[in-house]
Amino acid sequence: MEPANGMTETETFYWCTHDSPVGVLLLVGDARALRAVRFPPHEVDEAARAGWRRDPARFDAARAQLDEYFAGRRRAFELPLAPRGSLFQLHVWRELRAIPYGTTISYGELARRIGRPGASRAVGLANGRNPLAIVVPCHRVIGADGSLTGYGGGLERKRWLLRHEGALVS
């Protein structure tokens, strides 16, 4: 059985924090891939309690690409990713990566893109459980009326990210 954080007890996980314009991010990975990018408030103590190992060097590529993104020099991430979720969630998260930089779509449109036009609520729930903030751009999904709806990092961060990408003018 997996712990609530989606990490199995037999795997070794690594973590580090990374300063960004939207707060100190918590990066979590295993020996092969990035598993999570979390916004504050996150508990760095969670890593110690879970027995994760602090190893910033393992995240050099992720930290460099995040810095490039925040500097406006990167529009897509090229990192090995290994999020944990249901098949439906994984499908939604894969489709999120296809939303171009600087654009937004609605939850209904995302549901249509995955072939489940009546599942916009389920898509919204899967979007909200995306463990890879920024890297898997769930911030690019907005309400059908153009409103900024829920975001795990808070609406101010969502607004900041969309402005940064030029998708939100006002």
Protein backbone atom coordinates (compact mmCIF):
# COMPACT_ATOMS: atom_id res chain seq x y z
CA MET A 1 0.00 0.00 0.00
CA GLU A 2 1.26 3.49 -0.86
CA PRO A 3 1.45 6.27 1.70
CA ALA A 4 -0.88 9.24 1.13
CA ASN A 5 1.92 11.18 -0.54
CA GLY A 6 2.05 8.65 -3.40
CA MET A 7 5.56 7.47 -2.58
CA THR A 8 6.16 3.82 -1.80
CA GLU A 9 7.95 2.91 1.37
CA THR A 10 10.63 0.81 -0.38
CA GLU A 11 11.92 3.52 -2.70
CA THR A 12 14.54 6.08 -1.82
CA PHE A 13 13.43 9.64 -2.32
CA TYR A 14 15.47 12.79 -2.53
CA TRP A 15 14.50 16.38 -2.00
CA CYS A 16 15.70 19.94 -2.06
CA THR A 17 14.23 23.39 -1.92
CA HIS A 18 14.56 25.99 -4.63
CA ASP A 19 14.00 29.74 -4.44
CA SER A 20 11.63 31.13 -7.04
CA PRO A 21 9.61 34.29 -7.64
CA VAL A 22 6.51 32.42 -6.37
CA GLY A 23 8.11 31.16 -3.17
CA VAL A 24 10.47 28.44 -2.07
CA LEU A 25 9.59 25.29 -4.00
CA LEU A 26 10.03 21.78 -2.62
CA LEU A 27 11.36 19.35 -5.25
CA VAL A 28 11.02 15.62 -4.66
CA GLY A 29 12.35 12.80 -6.82
CA ASP A 30 13.67 9.30 -6.91
CA ALA A 31 16.84 7.99 -8.53
CA ARG A 32 15.33 8.35 -12.02
CA ALA A 33 12.80 11.17 -12.17
CA LEU A 34 11.18 14.22 -10.65
CA ARG A 35 8.10 13.21 -8.64
CA ALA A 36 6.82 16.47 -7.18
CA VAL A 37 7.20 20.24 -7.23
CA ARG A 38 5.30 21.75 -4.34
CA PHE A 39 4.45 25.33 -3.46
CA PRO A 40 4.65 26.76 0.03
CA PRO A 41 3.37 26.17 2.50
CA HIS A 42 5.06 22.82 2.29
CA GLU A 43 6.71 21.09 5.15
CA VAL A 44 10.37 20.43 4.67
CA ASP A 45 10.02 18.41 7.87
CA GLU A 46 7.87 16.03 5.81
CA ALA A 47 11.04 14.96 4.02
CA ALA A 48 12.82 14.16 7.26
CA ARG A 49 9.81 12.30 8.66
CA ALA A 50 9.53 10.23 5.50
CA GLY A 51 13.23 9.39 5.52
CA TRP A 52 13.90 11.24 2.30
CA ARG A 53 17.46 12.32 1.63
CA ARG A 54 18.34 15.94 0.99
CA ASP A 55 20.41 16.01 -2.20
CA PRO A 56 20.26 19.29 -4.17
CA ALA A 57 22.73 18.01 -6.81
CA ARG A 58 20.17 15.45 -8.00
CA PHE A 59 17.94 18.36 -8.98
CA ASP A 60 20.46 20.45 -10.92
CA ALA A 61 18.59 20.04 -14.22
CA ALA A 62 15.19 20.75 -12.67
CA ARG A 63 16.48 23.81 -10.83
CA ALA A 64 18.21 25.13 -13.97
CA GLN A 65 15.06 24.67 -16.07
CA LEU A 66 12.89 26.33 -13.42
CA ASP A 67 15.30 29.28 -13.37
CA GLU A 68 15.14 29.48 -17.17
CA TYR A 69 11.34 29.40 -17.03
CA PHE A 70 11.21 32.21 -14.48
CA ALA A 71 13.74 34.22 -16.50
CA GLY A 72 11.49 33.89 -19.57
CA ARG A 73 13.95 31.70 -21.48
CA ARG A 74 12.08 28.37 -21.23
CA ARG A 75 8.58 27.54 -22.40
CA ALA A 76 8.52 23.76 -21.85
CA PHE A 77 10.31 21.45 -19.44
CA GLU A 78 12.43 18.56 -20.59
CA LEU A 79 12.81 16.45 -17.48
CA PRO A 80 12.15 12.82 -16.64
CA LEU A 81 8.89 12.85 -14.68
CA ALA A 82 7.24 10.12 -12.63
CA PRO A 83 4.04 11.41 -11.03
CA ARG A 84 1.89 8.90 -9.19
CA GLY A 85 -1.84 8.83 -9.78
CA SER A 86 -4.74 6.92 -11.24
CA LEU A 87 -4.83 6.18 -14.97
CA PHE A 88 -7.36 9.00 -15.37
CA GLN A 89 -5.14 11.47 -13.49
CA LEU A 90 -2.09 10.46 -15.51
CA HIS A 91 -4.08 11.00 -18.72
CA VAL A 92 -5.13 14.48 -17.58
CA TRP A 93 -1.58 15.38 -16.49
CA ARG A 94 -0.16 14.19 -19.80
CA GLU A 95 -2.64 16.40 -21.65
CA LEU A 96 -1.74 19.38 -19.45
CA ARG A 97 1.78 19.20 -20.86
CA ALA A 98 0.32 19.73 -24.34
CA ILE A 99 -1.15 23.14 -23.43
CA PRO A 100 1.20 25.66 -25.05
CA TYR A 101 3.04 28.25 -23.02
CA GLY A 102 1.12 31.49 -22.79
CA THR A 103 -2.28 29.96 -23.50
CA THR A 104 -5.17 28.83 -21.35
CA ILE A 105 -7.99 26.35 -21.81
CA SER A 106 -11.10 25.58 -19.79
CA TYR A 107 -11.73 22.46 -17.75
CA GLY A 108 -14.42 21.54 -20.28
CA GLU A 109 -11.95 21.85 -23.15
CA LEU A 110 -9.44 19.71 -21.27
CA ALA A 111 -12.15 17.09 -20.72
CA ARG A 112 -12.93 17.13 -24.47
CA ARG A 113 -9.24 16.77 -25.32
CA ILE A 114 -8.98 13.58 -23.29
CA GLY A 115 -12.14 12.18 -24.89
CA ARG A 116 -14.36 12.65 -21.82
CA PRO A 117 -16.49 15.73 -22.66
CA GLY A 118 -18.83 15.23 -19.69
CA ALA A 119 -16.04 14.88 -17.15
CA SER A 120 -15.02 18.49 -16.53
CA ARG A 121 -15.46 18.11 -12.75
CA ALA A 122 -13.34 14.97 -12.67
CA VAL A 123 -10.77 16.76 -14.82
CA GLY A 124 -10.80 19.63 -12.32
CA LEU A 125 -10.17 17.22 -9.44
CA ALA A 126 -7.31 15.54 -11.32
CA ASN A 127 -5.90 18.95 -12.22
CA GLY A 128 -5.99 19.91 -8.55
CA ARG A 129 -4.02 16.81 -7.60
CA ASN A 130 -1.21 17.47 -10.07
CA PRO A 131 1.97 16.83 -8.04
CA LEU A 132 4.28 18.67 -10.47
CA ALA A 133 3.34 22.33 -10.19
CA ILE A 134 4.68 24.60 -12.95
CA VAL A 135 6.44 21.71 -14.75
CA VAL A 136 3.07 20.15 -15.59
CA PRO A 137 1.21 23.42 -16.21
CA CYS A 138 -2.11 22.98 -14.46
CA HIS A 139 -2.12 26.76 -13.95
CA ARG A 140 -3.09 27.09 -17.63
CA VAL A 141 -6.56 25.66 -16.98
CA ILE A 142 -9.23 28.25 -16.17
CA GLY A 143 -13.00 28.47 -15.85
CA ALA A 144 -15.20 28.39 -18.94
CA ASP A 145 -16.02 32.06 -18.37
CA GLY A 146 -12.34 32.99 -18.25
CA SER A 147 -12.22 33.22 -14.46
CA LEU A 148 -9.29 31.99 -12.45
CA THR A 149 -10.55 29.04 -10.48
CA GLY A 150 -8.91 26.98 -7.75
CA TYR A 151 -5.20 26.36 -7.74
CA GLY A 152 -3.18 24.33 -5.26
CA GLY A 153 -0.61 27.10 -5.01
CA GLY A 154 -3.28 29.76 -4.49
CA LEU A 155 -4.90 32.09 -6.98
CA GLU A 156 -2.22 34.77 -6.56
CA ARG A 157 0.44 32.31 -7.76
CA LYS A 158 -1.79 31.19 -10.63
CA ARG A 159 -2.32 34.82 -11.62
CA TRP A 160 1.44 35.48 -11.39
CA LEU A 161 2.29 32.45 -13.56
CA LEU A 162 -0.28 33.36 -16.21
CA ARG A 163 0.92 36.97 -16.30
CA HIS A 164 4.51 35.76 -16.53
CA GLU A 165 3.56 33.69 -19.58
CA GLY A 166 1.58 36.54 -21.13
CA ALA A 167 -1.69 34.61 -20.91
CA LEU A 168 -3.23 37.08 -18.49
CA VAL A 169 -3.05 40.73 -19.44
CA SER A 170 -4.95 42.52 -16.69
